[in-house]
Amino acid sequence: MGKKNDVFTMPLDALEKQVKEAAAAIEKVLFGLEGLAALTAEERLKSDKFRNGEAEALLGVLDAADANPKLFESLADKDFGNDPDEFETDVLRDRLQRIALLMPLAERLDGAKTLIDDTVLQLSAQTKPVLQQGYGIAKSVAKTNPKMRALIAKAIDYYARIARKGVETRKNKPKAS
């Protein structure tokens, strides 16, 4: 699996301490950067994100606009700048620089999130299948054993809720014609 003192093997109290410290560090990063945007899922899907190298490639467009401002007047009210009558290349350059500064941090945090997600998935893969099999055994016994039923009541309720939601979803699903 891993090293002697990694997330898979370290004592739980040590892992809990490290998780709390990591969460505090993330909070410090987030609160240290005031004014971060919070988009809805729909806004995020509709947003235009620069592909790798695209922003740098488009700097020439700003150079062209600076050299030929009359050609770009029609974009004046589309640059989200301060003056609706001027195409503000300085504002756009500033945004590109901000993107260049923030993007590596976003990529680093995304990479960290992926590692944590992968670790949770691996732990789940090593835990969930055998527990579901155990649930099947315990549920079978619980039909005639009230003590067993009491011990696994939360699991029975959990899976019953999921089953009811599934029935409700199928019931409300439009029928194909």
C-alpha atoms as a PDB file:
ATOM      1  CA  MET A   1       0.000   0.000   0.000  1.00  0.00           C
ATOM      2  CA  GLY A   2       1.938   3.023   1.150  1.00  0.00           C
ATOM      3  CA  LYS A   3       4.708   4.152   3.428  1.00  0.00           C
ATOM      4  CA  LYS A   4       4.631   3.340   7.113  1.00  0.00           C
ATOM      5  CA  ASN A   5       3.112   6.673   8.091  1.00  0.00           C
ATOM      6  CA  ASP A   6       0.857   7.627   5.189  1.00  0.00           C
ATOM      7  CA  VAL A   7      -2.903   8.258   5.078  1.00  0.00           C
ATOM      8  CA  PHE A   8      -3.551   4.532   4.743  1.00  0.00           C
ATOM      9  CA  THR A   9      -1.528   3.462   7.779  1.00  0.00           C
ATOM     10  CA  MET A  10      -0.956   6.355  10.205  1.00  0.00           C
ATOM     11  CA  PRO A  11      -2.923   6.386  13.467  1.00  0.00           C
ATOM     12  CA  LEU A  12      -6.371   7.929  13.025  1.00  0.00           C
ATOM     13  CA  ASP A  13      -5.681  10.723  15.519  1.00  0.00           C
ATOM     14  CA  ALA A  14      -2.594  11.737  13.512  1.00  0.00           C
ATOM     15  CA  LEU A  15      -4.596  11.646  10.262  1.00  0.00           C
ATOM     16  CA  GLU A  16      -7.352  13.723  11.837  1.00  0.00           C
ATOM     17  CA  LYS A  17      -4.773  16.305  12.974  1.00  0.00           C
ATOM     18  CA  GLN A  18      -3.219  16.490   9.499  1.00  0.00           C
ATOM     19  CA  VAL A  19      -6.632  16.811   7.838  1.00  0.00           C
ATOM     20  CA  LYS A  20      -7.569  19.675  10.172  1.00  0.00           C
ATOM     21  CA  GLU A  21      -4.239  21.402   9.466  1.00  0.00           C
ATOM     22  CA  ALA A  22      -4.705  20.980   5.706  1.00  0.00           C
ATOM     23  CA  ALA A  23      -8.267  22.329   5.898  1.00  0.00           C
ATOM     24  CA  ALA A  24      -7.025  25.346   7.864  1.00  0.00           C
ATOM     25  CA  ALA A  25      -4.323  25.984   5.259  1.00  0.00           C
ATOM     26  CA  ILE A  26      -6.907  25.822   2.467  1.00  0.00           C
ATOM     27  CA  GLU A  27      -9.157  28.245   4.369  1.00  0.00           C
ATOM     28  CA  LYS A  28      -6.189  30.587   4.774  1.00  0.00           C
ATOM     29  CA  VAL A  29      -5.580  30.481   1.016  1.00  0.00           C
ATOM     30  CA  LEU A  30      -9.237  31.083   0.189  1.00  0.00           C
ATOM     31  CA  PHE A  31      -9.742  33.895   2.676  1.00  0.00           C
ATOM     32  CA  GLY A  32      -6.374  35.414   1.779  1.00  0.00           C
ATOM     33  CA  LEU A  33      -7.609  35.976  -1.757  1.00  0.00           C
ATOM     34  CA  GLU A  34     -10.489  38.373  -1.234  1.00  0.00           C
ATOM     35  CA  GLY A  35     -13.216  38.642  -3.826  1.00  0.00           C
ATOM     36  CA  LEU A  36     -12.891  35.227  -5.451  1.00  0.00           C
ATOM     37  CA  ALA A  37     -15.796  34.620  -7.819  1.00  0.00           C
ATOM     38  CA  ALA A  38     -18.418  32.021  -6.922  1.00  0.00           C
ATOM     39  CA  LEU A  39     -20.246  30.879 -10.045  1.00  0.00           C
ATOM     40  CA  THR A  40     -23.236  28.602 -10.177  1.00  0.00           C
ATOM     41  CA  ALA A  41     -22.790  25.232 -11.888  1.00  0.00           C
ATOM     42  CA  GLU A  42     -24.680  26.574 -14.903  1.00  0.00           C
ATOM     43  CA  GLU A  43     -22.541  29.732 -15.088  1.00  0.00           C
ATOM     44  CA  ARG A  44     -19.415  27.594 -14.852  1.00  0.00           C
ATOM     45  CA  LEU A  45     -20.557  25.461 -17.800  1.00  0.00           C
ATOM     46  CA  LYS A  46     -21.282  28.539 -19.933  1.00  0.00           C
ATOM     47  CA  SER A  47     -18.072  30.386 -19.041  1.00  0.00           C
ATOM     48  CA  ASP A  48     -15.313  30.860 -21.573  1.00  0.00           C
ATOM     49  CA  LYS A  49     -12.044  29.506 -20.227  1.00  0.00           C
ATOM     50  CA  PHE A  50      -8.784  30.014 -22.026  1.00  0.00           C
ATOM     51  CA  ARG A  51      -7.155  26.864 -23.301  1.00  0.00           C
ATOM     52  CA  ASN A  52      -3.483  26.275 -22.663  1.00  0.00           C
ATOM     53  CA  GLY A  53      -1.543  28.998 -24.545  1.00  0.00           C
ATOM     54  CA  GLU A  54      -4.667  30.728 -25.876  1.00  0.00           C
ATOM     55  CA  ALA A  55      -4.445  33.874 -23.721  1.00  0.00           C
ATOM     56  CA  GLU A  56      -0.829  34.435 -24.716  1.00  0.00           C
ATOM     57  CA  ALA A  57      -1.706  33.881 -28.366  1.00  0.00           C
ATOM     58  CA  LEU A  58      -4.456  36.514 -28.181  1.00  0.00           C
ATOM     59  CA  LEU A  59      -2.147  39.222 -26.806  1.00  0.00           C
ATOM     60  CA  GLY A  60      -1.481  40.115 -30.430  1.00  0.00           C
ATOM     61  CA  VAL A  61      -5.126  41.083 -30.810  1.00  0.00           C
ATOM     62  CA  LEU A  62      -4.661  43.672 -28.058  1.00  0.00           C
ATOM     63  CA  ASP A  63      -1.501  44.929 -29.794  1.00  0.00           C
ATOM     64  CA  ALA A  64      -3.518  45.234 -33.022  1.00  0.00           C
ATOM     65  CA  ALA A  65      -6.278  47.113 -31.174  1.00  0.00           C
ATOM     66  CA  ASP A  66      -3.735  49.524 -29.681  1.00  0.00           C
ATOM     67  CA  ALA A  67      -2.235  50.117 -33.143  1.00  0.00           C
ATOM     68  CA  ASN A  68      -5.659  50.462 -34.862  1.00  0.00           C
ATOM     69  CA  PRO A  69      -8.195  51.596 -32.226  1.00  0.00           C
ATOM     70  CA  LYS A  70     -10.859  52.640 -34.770  1.00  0.00           C
ATOM     71  CA  LEU A  71     -11.154  49.057 -36.049  1.00  0.00           C
ATOM     72  CA  PHE A  72     -12.120  47.846 -32.563  1.00  0.00           C
ATOM     73  CA  GLU A  73     -14.588  50.579 -31.520  1.00  0.00           C
ATOM     74  CA  SER A  74     -17.522  48.183 -31.984  1.00  0.00           C
ATOM     75  CA  LEU A  75     -16.198  46.129 -29.062  1.00  0.00           C
ATOM     76  CA  ALA A  76     -16.106  49.061 -26.631  1.00  0.00           C
ATOM     77  CA  ASP A  77     -19.250  48.077 -24.742  1.00  0.00           C
ATOM     78  CA  LYS A  78     -18.317  44.366 -24.687  1.00  0.00           C
ATOM     79  CA  ASP A  79     -15.028  44.463 -22.747  1.00  0.00           C
ATOM     80  CA  PHE A  80     -16.612  44.840 -19.271  1.00  0.00           C
ATOM     81  CA  GLY A  81     -14.346  47.827 -18.782  1.00  0.00           C
ATOM     82  CA  ASN A  82     -14.880  51.218 -17.206  1.00  0.00           C
ATOM     83  CA  ASP A  83     -15.734  53.183 -20.352  1.00  0.00           C
ATOM     84  CA  PRO A  84     -18.531  51.865 -22.593  1.00  0.00           C
ATOM     85  CA  ASP A  85     -17.264  54.084 -25.434  1.00  0.00           C
ATOM     86  CA  GLU A  86     -13.675  52.787 -25.495  1.00  0.00           C
ATOM     87  CA  PHE A  87     -12.206  49.349 -26.156  1.00  0.00           C
ATOM     88  CA  GLU A  88      -9.975  49.156 -23.084  1.00  0.00           C
ATOM     89  CA  THR A  89      -6.961  47.034 -23.914  1.00  0.00           C
ATOM     90  CA  ASP A  90      -5.300  47.955 -20.608  1.00  0.00           C
ATOM     91  CA  VAL A  91      -8.225  46.411 -18.695  1.00  0.00           C
ATOM     92  CA  LEU A  92      -8.060  43.261 -20.810  1.00  0.00           C
ATOM     93  CA  ARG A  93      -4.274  42.978 -20.365  1.00  0.00           C
ATOM     94  CA  ASP A  94      -4.752  43.351 -16.602  1.00  0.00           C
ATOM     95  CA  ARG A  95      -7.261  40.478 -16.612  1.00  0.00           C
ATOM     96  CA  LEU A  96      -4.895  38.302 -18.612  1.00  0.00           C
ATOM     97  CA  GLN A  97      -2.160  38.934 -16.047  1.00  0.00           C
ATOM     98  CA  ARG A  98      -4.542  38.034 -13.213  1.00  0.00           C
ATOM     99  CA  ILE A  99      -5.452  34.809 -15.016  1.00  0.00           C
ATOM    100  CA  ALA A 100      -1.740  34.021 -15.406  1.00  0.00           C
ATOM    101  CA  LEU A 101      -1.205  34.518 -11.668  1.00  0.00           C
ATOM    102  CA  LEU A 102      -4.266  32.572 -10.478  1.00  0.00           C
ATOM    103  CA  MET A 103      -4.216  29.670 -12.951  1.00  0.00           C
ATOM    104  CA  PRO A 104      -1.206  27.837 -11.455  1.00  0.00           C
ATOM    105  CA  LEU A 105      -2.828  28.013  -8.018  1.00  0.00           C
ATOM    106  CA  ALA A 106      -6.116  26.678  -9.399  1.00  0.00           C
ATOM    107  CA  GLU A 107      -4.256  23.838 -11.134  1.00  0.00           C
ATOM    108  CA  ARG A 108      -2.325  23.025  -7.958  1.00  0.00           C
ATOM    109  CA  LEU A 109      -5.506  22.948  -5.867  1.00  0.00           C
ATOM    110  CA  ASP A 110      -7.264  20.875  -8.530  1.00  0.00           C
ATOM    111  CA  GLY A 111      -4.377  18.405  -8.496  1.00  0.00           C
ATOM    112  CA  ALA A 112      -4.555  18.196  -4.695  1.00  0.00           C
ATOM    113  CA  LYS A 113      -8.305  17.619  -4.858  1.00  0.00           C
ATOM    114  CA  THR A 114      -7.783  14.821  -7.376  1.00  0.00           C
ATOM    115  CA  LEU A 115      -5.256  13.101  -5.099  1.00  0.00           C
ATOM    116  CA  ILE A 116      -7.596  13.335  -2.112  1.00  0.00           C
ATOM    117  CA  ASP A 117     -10.558  12.119  -4.198  1.00  0.00           C
ATOM    118  CA  ASP A 118      -8.480   9.199  -5.497  1.00  0.00           C
ATOM    119  CA  THR A 119      -7.463   8.262  -1.958  1.00  0.00           C
ATOM    120  CA  VAL A 120     -11.102   8.310  -0.831  1.00  0.00           C
ATOM    121  CA  LEU A 121     -12.046   6.178  -3.848  1.00  0.00           C
ATOM    122  CA  GLN A 122      -9.298   3.646  -3.097  1.00  0.00           C
ATOM    123  CA  LEU A 123     -10.313   3.422   0.560  1.00  0.00           C
ATOM    124  CA  SER A 124     -13.938   3.025  -0.536  1.00  0.00           C
ATOM    125  CA  ALA A 125     -13.054   0.280  -3.021  1.00  0.00           C
ATOM    126  CA  GLN A 126     -11.327  -1.605  -0.217  1.00  0.00           C
ATOM    127  CA  THR A 127     -14.239  -1.137   2.188  1.00  0.00           C
ATOM    128  CA  LYS A 128     -17.636  -0.794   0.530  1.00  0.00           C
ATOM    129  CA  PRO A 129     -17.949  -4.143  -1.332  1.00  0.00           C
ATOM    130  CA  VAL A 130     -17.289  -6.274   1.729  1.00  0.00           C
ATOM    131  CA  LEU A 131     -19.578  -4.114   3.885  1.00  0.00           C
ATOM    132  CA  GLN A 132     -22.383  -4.442   1.334  1.00  0.00           C
ATOM    133  CA  GLN A 133     -21.961  -8.210   1.412  1.00  0.00           C
ATOM    134  CA  GLY A 134     -22.031  -8.076   5.208  1.00  0.00           C
ATOM    135  CA  TYR A 135     -25.181  -5.964   5.023  1.00  0.00           C
ATOM    136  CA  GLY A 136     -26.810  -8.644   2.888  1.00  0.00           C
ATOM    137  CA  ILE A 137     -26.018 -11.274   5.506  1.00  0.00           C
ATOM    138  CA  ALA A 138     -27.105  -9.075   8.428  1.00  0.00           C
ATOM    139  CA  LYS A 139     -30.329  -7.993   6.686  1.00  0.00           C
ATOM    140  CA  SER A 140     -31.278 -11.591   6.058  1.00  0.00           C
ATOM    141  CA  VAL A 141     -30.770 -12.426   9.747  1.00  0.00           C
ATOM    142  CA  ALA A 142     -32.524  -9.215  10.845  1.00  0.00           C
ATOM    143  CA  LYS A 143     -35.800 -10.453   9.350  1.00  0.00           C
ATOM    144  CA  THR A 144     -36.121 -12.855  12.277  1.00  0.00           C
ATOM    145  CA  ASN A 145     -33.716 -11.353  14.831  1.00  0.00           C
ATOM    146  CA  PRO A 146     -34.769  -8.039  16.466  1.00  0.00           C
ATOM    147  CA  LYS A 147     -31.297  -7.492  17.991  1.00  0.00           C
ATOM    148  CA  MET A 148     -29.667  -7.739  14.567  1.00  0.00           C
ATOM    149  CA  ARG A 149     -32.341  -5.424  13.157  1.00  0.00           C
ATOM    150  CA  ALA A 150     -31.532  -2.849  15.841  1.00  0.00           C
ATOM    151  CA  LEU A 151     -27.811  -3.086  15.115  1.00  0.00           C
ATOM    152  CA  ILE A 152     -28.219  -2.422  11.377  1.00  0.00           C
ATOM    153  CA  ALA A 153     -31.267  -0.131  11.560  1.00  0.00           C
ATOM    154  CA  LYS A 154     -29.365   2.874  10.133  1.00  0.00           C
ATOM    155  CA  ALA A 155     -28.212   0.859   7.136  1.00  0.00           C
ATOM    156  CA  ILE A 156     -31.714  -0.538   6.513  1.00  0.00           C
ATOM    157  CA  ASP A 157     -33.183   2.979   6.701  1.00  0.00           C
ATOM    158  CA  TYR A 158     -30.464   4.375   4.433  1.00  0.00           C
ATOM    159  CA  TYR A 159     -31.005   1.837   1.660  1.00  0.00           C
ATOM    160  CA  ALA A 160     -34.793   2.049   2.030  1.00  0.00           C
ATOM    161  CA  ARG A 161     -34.597   5.829   1.424  1.00  0.00           C
ATOM    162  CA  ILE A 162     -32.581   5.252  -1.732  1.00  0.00           C
ATOM    163  CA  ALA A 163     -35.079   2.637  -2.938  1.00  0.00           C
ATOM    164  CA  ARG A 164     -38.023   4.991  -2.298  1.00  0.00           C
ATOM    165  CA  LYS A 165     -36.292   7.788  -4.237  1.00  0.00           C
ATOM    166  CA  GLY A 166     -35.688   5.386  -7.126  1.00  0.00           C
ATOM    167  CA  VAL A 167     -39.339   4.365  -7.195  1.00  0.00           C
ATOM    168  CA  GLU A 168     -40.390   8.035  -7.092  1.00  0.00           C
ATOM    169  CA  THR A 169     -38.004   8.928  -9.915  1.00  0.00           C
ATOM    170  CA  ARG A 170     -39.248   6.082 -12.108  1.00  0.00           C
ATOM    171  CA  LYS A 171     -42.856   6.985 -11.317  1.00  0.00           C
ATOM    172  CA  ASN A 172     -42.310  10.632 -12.355  1.00  0.00           C
ATOM    173  CA  LYS A 173     -40.257   9.803 -15.448  1.00  0.00           C
ATOM    174  CA  PRO A 174     -42.144  10.547 -18.671  1.00  0.00           C
ATOM    175  CA  LYS A 175     -43.040   7.392 -20.557  1.00  0.00           C
ATOM    176  CA  ALA A 176     -41.557   6.912 -24.001  1.00  0.00           C
ATOM    177  CA  SER A 177     -44.106   6.926 -26.759  1.00  0.00           C
END
